[in-house]
N, C-alpha and C. Protein backbone atom coordinates (compact mmCIF):
# COMPACT_ATOMS: atom_id res chain seq x y z
N MET A 1 -131.79 152.47 294.17
CA MET A 1 -132.96 153.32 294.16
C MET A 1 -134.09 152.56 293.47
N PRO A 2 -135.30 152.55 294.05
CA PRO A 2 -136.42 151.84 293.43
C PRO A 2 -136.72 152.40 292.04
N LYS A 3 -137.12 151.50 291.15
CA LYS A 3 -137.40 151.90 289.77
C LYS A 3 -138.56 152.89 289.74
N GLY A 4 -138.44 153.94 288.96
CA GLY A 4 -139.49 154.93 288.81
C GLY A 4 -139.46 156.05 289.83
N VAL A 5 -138.62 155.93 290.87
CA VAL A 5 -138.53 156.97 291.89
C VAL A 5 -137.38 157.90 291.51
N LYS A 6 -137.67 159.20 291.43
CA LYS A 6 -136.63 160.16 291.05
C LYS A 6 -136.36 161.09 292.22
N GLY A 7 -135.17 161.63 292.24
CA GLY A 7 -134.82 162.62 293.25
C GLY A 7 -134.11 162.00 294.43
N PHE A 8 -133.90 162.83 295.45
CA PHE A 8 -133.15 162.42 296.64
C PHE A 8 -134.04 161.60 297.58
N ILE A 9 -133.51 160.47 298.02
CA ILE A 9 -134.22 159.65 299.01
C ILE A 9 -133.30 159.55 300.22
N LYS A 10 -133.79 159.94 301.37
CA LYS A 10 -133.00 159.91 302.60
C LYS A 10 -132.54 158.48 302.90
N GLY A 11 -131.26 158.35 303.21
CA GLY A 11 -130.70 157.05 303.54
C GLY A 11 -130.20 156.26 302.35
N HIS A 12 -130.39 156.78 301.13
CA HIS A 12 -129.93 156.06 299.94
C HIS A 12 -128.41 156.02 299.89
N LYS A 13 -127.86 154.88 299.54
CA LYS A 13 -126.41 154.71 299.42
C LYS A 13 -126.07 154.44 297.96
N HIS A 14 -124.99 155.06 297.48
CA HIS A 14 -124.52 154.82 296.12
C HIS A 14 -123.82 153.47 296.06
N SER A 15 -123.92 152.84 294.91
CA SER A 15 -123.19 151.58 294.71
C SER A 15 -121.71 151.89 294.51
N ALA A 16 -120.88 150.88 294.61
CA ALA A 16 -119.43 151.06 294.42
C ALA A 16 -119.14 151.56 293.01
N GLU A 17 -119.88 151.06 292.02
CA GLU A 17 -119.68 151.48 290.64
C GLU A 17 -119.99 152.97 290.48
N THR A 18 -121.11 153.42 291.07
CA THR A 18 -121.50 154.83 291.00
C THR A 18 -120.47 155.71 291.70
N LYS A 19 -119.99 155.26 292.86
CA LYS A 19 -118.97 156.02 293.59
C LYS A 19 -117.71 156.18 292.76
N SER A 20 -117.29 155.10 292.06
CA SER A 20 -116.08 155.19 291.25
C SER A 20 -116.28 156.13 290.07
N LYS A 21 -117.50 156.13 289.48
CA LYS A 21 -117.79 157.04 288.36
C LYS A 21 -117.76 158.50 288.83
N ILE A 22 -118.34 158.76 290.00
CA ILE A 22 -118.34 160.12 290.55
C ILE A 22 -116.91 160.57 290.84
N GLY A 23 -116.11 159.69 291.43
CA GLY A 23 -114.71 160.01 291.72
C GLY A 23 -113.92 160.31 290.46
N ALA A 24 -114.14 159.50 289.41
CA ALA A 24 -113.42 159.71 288.14
C ALA A 24 -113.84 161.04 287.51
N ALA A 25 -115.13 161.36 287.59
CA ALA A 25 -115.61 162.62 287.01
C ALA A 25 -115.02 163.82 287.74
N ASN A 26 -114.84 163.70 289.04
CA ASN A 26 -114.26 164.80 289.81
C ASN A 26 -112.78 164.99 289.53
N LYS A 27 -112.11 163.94 289.06
CA LYS A 27 -110.67 164.04 288.78
C LYS A 27 -110.38 164.53 287.37
N ARG A 28 -111.36 164.48 286.47
CA ARG A 28 -111.18 164.94 285.10
C ARG A 28 -111.10 166.45 285.02
N ASN A 29 -110.46 166.93 283.99
CA ASN A 29 -110.40 168.37 283.71
C ASN A 29 -109.88 169.18 284.90
N ARG A 30 -108.81 168.72 285.52
CA ARG A 30 -108.21 169.44 286.63
C ARG A 30 -106.97 170.17 286.10
N ILE A 31 -106.70 171.33 286.67
CA ILE A 31 -105.56 172.14 286.27
C ILE A 31 -104.66 172.34 287.49
N ILE A 32 -103.35 172.24 287.28
CA ILE A 32 -102.39 172.53 288.34
C ILE A 32 -101.82 173.92 288.04
N PHE A 33 -101.86 174.81 289.04
CA PHE A 33 -101.37 176.17 288.86
C PHE A 33 -100.66 176.62 290.13
N ASN A 34 -99.96 177.74 290.03
CA ASN A 34 -99.29 178.32 291.20
C ASN A 34 -100.14 179.44 291.77
N CYS A 35 -100.23 179.48 293.09
CA CYS A 35 -100.96 180.54 293.79
C CYS A 35 -100.31 181.88 293.45
N ASP A 36 -101.13 182.90 293.16
CA ASP A 36 -100.60 184.22 292.80
C ASP A 36 -99.93 184.93 293.97
N TYR A 37 -100.17 184.47 295.18
CA TYR A 37 -99.56 185.13 296.34
C TYR A 37 -98.34 184.37 296.84
N CYS A 38 -98.50 183.06 297.13
CA CYS A 38 -97.41 182.31 297.77
C CYS A 38 -96.70 181.35 296.81
N SER A 39 -97.16 181.22 295.58
CA SER A 39 -96.59 180.35 294.54
C SER A 39 -96.68 178.86 294.86
N LYS A 40 -97.54 178.49 295.77
CA LYS A 40 -97.77 177.08 296.10
C LYS A 40 -98.53 176.42 294.96
N LYS A 41 -98.19 175.17 294.62
CA LYS A 41 -98.90 174.45 293.56
C LYS A 41 -100.25 174.00 294.08
N VAL A 42 -101.30 174.25 293.26
CA VAL A 42 -102.67 173.94 293.65
C VAL A 42 -103.36 173.27 292.47
N GLU A 43 -104.29 172.36 292.78
CA GLU A 43 -105.07 171.68 291.75
C GLU A 43 -106.52 172.12 291.88
N GLU A 44 -107.15 172.43 290.74
CA GLU A 44 -108.52 172.92 290.76
C GLU A 44 -109.21 172.53 289.46
N LYS A 45 -110.53 172.47 289.48
CA LYS A 45 -111.29 172.19 288.26
C LYS A 45 -111.05 173.30 287.25
N GLU A 46 -110.99 172.90 285.97
CA GLU A 46 -110.74 173.86 284.91
C GLU A 46 -111.84 174.93 284.86
N SER A 47 -113.08 174.54 285.08
CA SER A 47 -114.19 175.50 285.02
C SER A 47 -114.08 176.54 286.14
N HIS A 48 -113.61 176.13 287.32
CA HIS A 48 -113.42 177.09 288.42
C HIS A 48 -112.25 178.01 288.12
N TYR A 49 -111.19 177.46 287.52
CA TYR A 49 -109.99 178.23 287.21
C TYR A 49 -110.31 179.35 286.22
N LYS A 50 -111.14 179.05 285.23
CA LYS A 50 -111.44 180.01 284.17
C LYS A 50 -112.32 181.17 284.64
N LYS A 51 -113.00 181.01 285.78
CA LYS A 51 -113.94 182.03 286.25
C LYS A 51 -113.26 183.29 286.77
N THR A 52 -112.01 183.18 287.23
CA THR A 52 -111.35 184.33 287.84
C THR A 52 -110.04 184.66 287.16
N LYS A 53 -109.61 185.90 287.35
CA LYS A 53 -108.36 186.37 286.77
C LYS A 53 -107.18 186.00 287.66
N ARG A 54 -107.37 186.09 288.96
CA ARG A 54 -106.32 185.75 289.93
C ARG A 54 -106.69 184.44 290.60
N HIS A 55 -105.66 183.64 290.96
CA HIS A 55 -105.91 182.33 291.53
C HIS A 55 -105.09 182.14 292.80
N PHE A 56 -105.76 181.68 293.84
CA PHE A 56 -105.13 181.54 295.15
C PHE A 56 -105.36 180.15 295.71
N CYS A 57 -104.45 179.72 296.61
CA CYS A 57 -104.56 178.40 297.20
C CYS A 57 -105.54 178.40 298.38
N SER A 58 -105.77 179.55 298.99
CA SER A 58 -106.67 179.63 300.14
C SER A 58 -107.20 181.05 300.28
N ARG A 59 -108.19 181.20 301.14
CA ARG A 59 -108.71 182.54 301.41
C ARG A 59 -107.66 183.40 302.09
N ARG A 60 -106.84 182.79 302.92
CA ARG A 60 -105.79 183.52 303.63
C ARG A 60 -104.85 184.18 302.62
N CYS A 61 -104.45 183.42 301.59
CA CYS A 61 -103.56 183.99 300.56
C CYS A 61 -104.26 185.13 299.82
N TYR A 62 -105.55 184.97 299.55
CA TYR A 62 -106.30 186.03 298.88
C TYR A 62 -106.33 187.29 299.75
N TYR A 63 -106.62 187.12 301.03
CA TYR A 63 -106.67 188.28 301.94
C TYR A 63 -105.31 188.95 302.04
N ASN A 64 -104.25 188.16 302.12
CA ASN A 64 -102.89 188.73 302.17
C ASN A 64 -102.58 189.48 300.89
N TYR A 65 -102.98 188.91 299.75
CA TYR A 65 -102.76 189.58 298.46
C TYR A 65 -103.45 190.94 298.44
N VAL A 66 -104.72 190.96 298.86
CA VAL A 66 -105.49 192.21 298.84
C VAL A 66 -104.84 193.24 299.75
N SER A 67 -104.43 192.83 300.95
CA SER A 67 -103.90 193.81 301.90
C SER A 67 -102.48 194.25 301.58
N GLU A 68 -101.65 193.37 301.00
CA GLU A 68 -100.24 193.69 300.80
C GLU A 68 -99.88 194.12 299.38
N ILE A 69 -100.52 193.52 298.37
CA ILE A 69 -100.08 193.73 296.99
C ILE A 69 -101.05 194.61 296.19
N MET A 70 -102.35 194.33 296.30
CA MET A 70 -103.32 195.07 295.49
C MET A 70 -103.31 196.55 295.87
N PRO A 71 -103.21 197.43 294.87
CA PRO A 71 -103.22 198.86 295.17
C PRO A 71 -104.50 199.25 295.90
N LYS A 72 -104.38 200.15 296.85
CA LYS A 72 -105.51 200.56 297.67
C LYS A 72 -106.68 201.07 296.81
N GLN A 73 -106.37 201.76 295.71
CA GLN A 73 -107.41 202.34 294.88
C GLN A 73 -108.27 201.27 294.23
N GLU A 74 -107.73 200.05 294.05
CA GLU A 74 -108.50 198.98 293.41
C GLU A 74 -109.33 198.19 294.41
N GLN A 75 -109.12 198.41 295.69
CA GLN A 75 -109.85 197.66 296.70
C GLN A 75 -111.25 198.23 296.88
N ASN A 76 -112.23 197.34 297.03
CA ASN A 76 -113.61 197.77 297.15
C ASN A 76 -113.85 198.62 298.40
N ALA A 77 -113.17 198.33 299.49
CA ALA A 77 -113.41 199.04 300.74
C ALA A 77 -112.71 200.40 300.80
N TYR A 78 -111.92 200.73 299.80
CA TYR A 78 -111.16 201.98 299.80
C TYR A 78 -112.08 203.11 299.38
N GLY A 79 -112.49 203.94 300.32
CA GLY A 79 -113.51 204.95 300.05
C GLY A 79 -113.01 206.22 299.42
N THR A 80 -111.77 206.61 299.64
CA THR A 80 -111.29 207.90 299.15
C THR A 80 -110.32 207.70 297.99
N GLY A 81 -110.65 206.83 297.07
CA GLY A 81 -109.78 206.54 295.93
C GLY A 81 -109.91 207.58 294.85
N TYR A 82 -110.02 207.13 293.62
CA TYR A 82 -110.13 208.04 292.48
C TYR A 82 -111.52 208.68 292.43
N SER A 83 -111.58 209.84 291.81
CA SER A 83 -112.86 210.53 291.63
C SER A 83 -113.73 209.71 290.67
N PRO A 84 -115.05 209.92 290.70
CA PRO A 84 -115.92 209.17 289.78
C PRO A 84 -115.55 209.39 288.31
N ASP A 85 -115.13 210.60 287.95
CA ASP A 85 -114.73 210.87 286.56
C ASP A 85 -113.49 210.05 286.18
N GLU A 86 -112.52 210.00 287.11
CA GLU A 86 -111.30 209.25 286.86
C GLU A 86 -111.60 207.75 286.74
N LYS A 87 -112.46 207.25 287.62
CA LYS A 87 -112.85 205.84 287.57
C LYS A 87 -113.52 205.51 286.23
N ASN A 88 -114.43 206.38 285.80
CA ASN A 88 -115.13 206.16 284.53
C ASN A 88 -114.18 206.18 283.34
N LYS A 89 -113.19 207.11 283.39
CA LYS A 89 -112.20 207.19 282.32
C LYS A 89 -111.39 205.90 282.24
N ARG A 90 -111.00 205.36 283.40
CA ARG A 90 -110.23 204.12 283.45
C ARG A 90 -111.06 202.94 282.96
N ILE A 91 -112.32 202.88 283.39
CA ILE A 91 -113.21 201.79 282.95
C ILE A 91 -113.38 201.83 281.44
N LYS A 92 -113.59 203.03 280.89
CA LYS A 92 -113.78 203.20 279.45
C LYS A 92 -112.53 202.77 278.67
N ALA A 93 -111.35 203.15 279.16
CA ALA A 93 -110.10 202.79 278.48
C ALA A 93 -109.91 201.27 278.49
N ARG A 94 -110.19 200.63 279.64
CA ARG A 94 -110.05 199.16 279.71
C ARG A 94 -111.06 198.47 278.80
N SER A 95 -112.26 199.03 278.75
CA SER A 95 -113.31 198.46 277.92
C SER A 95 -112.93 198.52 276.43
N ILE A 96 -112.43 199.66 276.00
CA ILE A 96 -112.00 199.83 274.60
C ILE A 96 -110.91 198.82 274.28
N LEU A 97 -109.92 198.70 275.17
CA LEU A 97 -108.84 197.77 274.94
C LEU A 97 -109.36 196.33 274.87
N ASN A 98 -110.27 195.96 275.77
CA ASN A 98 -110.82 194.60 275.77
C ASN A 98 -111.59 194.31 274.48
N HIS A 99 -112.29 195.31 273.95
CA HIS A 99 -113.00 195.11 272.68
C HIS A 99 -112.01 194.91 271.53
N TYR A 100 -110.92 195.66 271.52
CA TYR A 100 -109.90 195.49 270.49
C TYR A 100 -109.24 194.11 270.59
N LEU A 101 -109.00 193.64 271.82
CA LEU A 101 -108.43 192.31 272.01
C LEU A 101 -109.42 191.24 271.54
N ARG A 102 -110.68 191.39 271.92
CA ARG A 102 -111.71 190.42 271.53
C ARG A 102 -111.84 190.33 270.01
N ASP A 103 -111.81 191.49 269.34
CA ASP A 103 -111.97 191.54 267.88
C ASP A 103 -110.67 191.27 267.14
N LYS A 104 -109.61 190.95 267.89
CA LYS A 104 -108.29 190.63 267.34
C LYS A 104 -107.69 191.78 266.50
N LYS A 105 -108.00 193.02 266.90
CA LYS A 105 -107.39 194.18 266.26
C LYS A 105 -106.06 194.51 266.93
N ILE A 106 -105.89 194.03 268.18
CA ILE A 106 -104.64 194.14 268.92
C ILE A 106 -104.30 192.76 269.43
N GLU A 107 -103.02 192.41 269.40
CA GLU A 107 -102.59 191.11 269.90
C GLU A 107 -101.84 191.30 271.21
N ARG A 108 -102.12 190.42 272.16
CA ARG A 108 -101.43 190.44 273.45
C ARG A 108 -99.95 190.11 273.20
N GLN A 109 -99.05 190.88 273.78
CA GLN A 109 -97.61 190.72 273.59
C GLN A 109 -96.97 190.13 274.84
N PRO A 110 -95.75 189.57 274.72
CA PRO A 110 -95.04 189.11 275.93
C PRO A 110 -94.59 190.28 276.79
N CYS A 111 -94.23 189.99 278.03
CA CYS A 111 -93.78 191.01 278.96
C CYS A 111 -92.57 191.76 278.39
N GLU A 112 -92.59 193.08 278.49
CA GLU A 112 -91.49 193.91 277.97
C GLU A 112 -90.18 193.66 278.71
N ILE A 113 -90.27 193.20 279.96
CA ILE A 113 -89.08 193.06 280.78
C ILE A 113 -88.51 191.64 280.72
N CYS A 114 -89.37 190.64 281.00
CA CYS A 114 -88.85 189.27 281.10
C CYS A 114 -89.26 188.37 279.95
N GLY A 115 -90.23 188.78 279.13
CA GLY A 115 -90.64 187.97 277.99
C GLY A 115 -91.70 186.93 278.30
N LEU A 116 -92.22 186.92 279.52
CA LEU A 116 -93.27 185.97 279.90
C LEU A 116 -94.49 186.19 279.02
N ILE A 117 -95.17 185.11 278.61
CA ILE A 117 -96.28 185.23 277.67
C ILE A 117 -97.57 185.70 278.35
N LYS A 118 -97.84 185.25 279.58
CA LYS A 118 -99.07 185.66 280.28
C LYS A 118 -98.88 187.08 280.81
N THR A 119 -99.53 188.05 280.15
CA THR A 119 -99.28 189.46 280.49
C THR A 119 -100.57 190.22 280.78
N GLU A 120 -100.37 191.41 281.33
CA GLU A 120 -101.45 192.35 281.62
C GLU A 120 -101.14 193.64 280.88
N ALA A 121 -102.18 194.36 280.49
CA ALA A 121 -101.99 195.64 279.82
C ALA A 121 -101.84 196.73 280.86
N HIS A 122 -100.90 197.62 280.64
CA HIS A 122 -100.70 198.76 281.54
C HIS A 122 -100.87 200.05 280.75
N HIS A 123 -101.74 200.92 281.24
CA HIS A 123 -101.96 202.23 280.61
C HIS A 123 -101.14 203.28 281.34
N ASP A 124 -100.27 203.96 280.62
CA ASP A 124 -99.57 205.10 281.19
C ASP A 124 -100.50 206.31 281.21
N ASP A 125 -101.37 206.41 280.20
CA ASP A 125 -102.31 207.52 280.09
C ASP A 125 -103.66 206.96 279.66
N TYR A 126 -104.66 207.09 280.53
CA TYR A 126 -105.98 206.53 280.24
C TYR A 126 -106.73 207.32 279.17
N ASP A 127 -106.24 208.51 278.80
CA ASP A 127 -106.85 209.25 277.70
C ASP A 127 -106.47 208.64 276.35
N LYS A 128 -105.45 207.77 276.35
CA LYS A 128 -105.01 207.07 275.14
C LYS A 128 -105.15 205.56 275.40
N PRO A 129 -106.37 205.02 275.24
CA PRO A 129 -106.64 203.64 275.66
C PRO A 129 -105.88 202.57 274.87
N LEU A 130 -105.37 202.89 273.69
CA LEU A 130 -104.68 201.88 272.91
C LEU A 130 -103.15 201.99 273.01
N GLU A 131 -102.67 202.99 273.74
CA GLU A 131 -101.23 203.09 274.00
C GLU A 131 -100.94 202.38 275.31
N ILE A 132 -100.48 201.15 275.21
CA ILE A 132 -100.29 200.32 276.40
C ILE A 132 -98.92 199.67 276.37
N ARG A 133 -98.51 199.21 277.55
CA ARG A 133 -97.30 198.40 277.66
C ARG A 133 -97.73 197.07 278.24
N TRP A 134 -97.13 195.98 277.77
CA TRP A 134 -97.48 194.64 278.23
C TRP A 134 -96.49 194.21 279.29
N LEU A 135 -97.01 193.90 280.49
CA LEU A 135 -96.17 193.49 281.61
C LEU A 135 -96.76 192.25 282.26
N CYS A 136 -95.90 191.35 282.74
CA CYS A 136 -96.38 190.20 283.49
C CYS A 136 -96.85 190.69 284.87
N PHE A 137 -97.52 189.84 285.60
CA PHE A 137 -98.09 190.21 286.91
C PHE A 137 -97.02 190.81 287.82
N LYS A 138 -95.87 190.14 287.93
CA LYS A 138 -94.80 190.58 288.83
C LYS A 138 -94.28 191.96 288.44
N HIS A 139 -93.94 192.13 287.16
CA HIS A 139 -93.36 193.40 286.72
C HIS A 139 -94.40 194.53 286.70
N HIS A 140 -95.68 194.20 286.50
CA HIS A 140 -96.73 195.22 286.55
C HIS A 140 -96.83 195.79 287.97
N ARG A 141 -96.80 194.91 288.97
CA ARG A 141 -96.86 195.37 290.36
C ARG A 141 -95.61 196.17 290.73
N GLU A 142 -94.44 195.71 290.28
CA GLU A 142 -93.20 196.44 290.55
C GLU A 142 -93.25 197.84 289.93
N TRP A 143 -93.78 197.93 288.71
CA TRP A 143 -93.87 199.22 288.04
C TRP A 143 -94.73 200.18 288.86
N HIS A 144 -95.88 199.69 289.34
CA HIS A 144 -96.76 200.55 290.13
C HIS A 144 -96.14 200.92 291.47
N LYS A 145 -95.42 200.00 292.08
CA LYS A 145 -94.75 200.34 293.35
C LYS A 145 -93.73 201.44 293.14
N LYS A 146 -93.00 201.35 292.03
CA LYS A 146 -91.93 202.32 291.77
C LYS A 146 -92.50 203.69 291.35
N HIS A 147 -93.54 203.70 290.51
CA HIS A 147 -94.01 204.96 289.94
C HIS A 147 -95.18 205.60 290.69
N ASP A 148 -96.04 204.80 291.30
CA ASP A 148 -97.20 205.37 291.98
C ASP A 148 -96.86 205.87 293.37
N ASN A 149 -96.00 205.14 294.08
CA ASN A 149 -95.66 205.51 295.44
C ASN A 149 -94.21 205.13 295.71
N PRO A 150 -93.26 206.02 295.45
CA PRO A 150 -91.85 205.71 295.61
C PRO A 150 -91.48 205.28 297.02
N ASP A 151 -92.23 205.73 298.05
CA ASP A 151 -91.93 205.32 299.42
C ASP A 151 -92.14 203.83 299.64
N LEU A 152 -93.06 203.22 298.88
CA LEU A 152 -93.31 201.78 299.02
C LEU A 152 -92.07 200.99 298.63
N LEU A 153 -91.38 201.42 297.59
CA LEU A 153 -90.21 200.69 297.12
C LEU A 153 -89.11 200.70 298.16
N LYS A 154 -88.93 201.80 298.90
CA LYS A 154 -87.90 201.88 299.93
C LYS A 154 -88.17 200.87 301.05
N GLU A 155 -89.47 200.68 301.38
CA GLU A 155 -89.83 199.75 302.46
C GLU A 155 -89.56 198.31 302.06
N THR A 156 -89.76 197.94 300.79
CA THR A 156 -89.62 196.55 300.37
C THR A 156 -88.19 196.16 300.07
N VAL A 157 -87.32 197.14 299.81
CA VAL A 157 -85.92 196.82 299.44
C VAL A 157 -85.07 196.55 300.65
C-alpha cells in the first residue's frame, strides 16, 4: 500500500507476512465444544462462544433443537403460550435469581442427578424465585418432558 494512503484500495494484495499474521490471529482464542443438539465437536472463537447460552454446529442443528427439544412455550413463534401475567412472573423470578448469582449471594451447584458442574436453575414455583433445583441441560429437559407433558415421555421411550 502506498505510504500515506489509508483505507481499502481496490486490487490491493496482502503480503505473505501479513497473510500469516491474519491467519495466526484467526487461530488464537479458539474453543472446542460439543453441539447442544448433535454433540458434534466444533471449533469457534471464544468471543462468539461467550455471546450465547446454547451452542450449535450449524443452523440445521439449531432449527432441529428448537422444533424437537425447546418447549413450545419458550419459542418466539408460539402465540398461545403463557398469559402475560405468567410470563412477567417467570421473568421476574429469573431476574431475581440472576441478581443473586451476580452478587454471589447464591452459588451455582452441580446437577442434582449426575453431578455435572455446568447447570441450569429450575423453578418448581415461580412465586418463590430463590427455591430452585440445579440440573444439567440433559436432566432439565428430561424433567420438563416428564412433568410438563407426560405424553411426550411415552413417545420418546
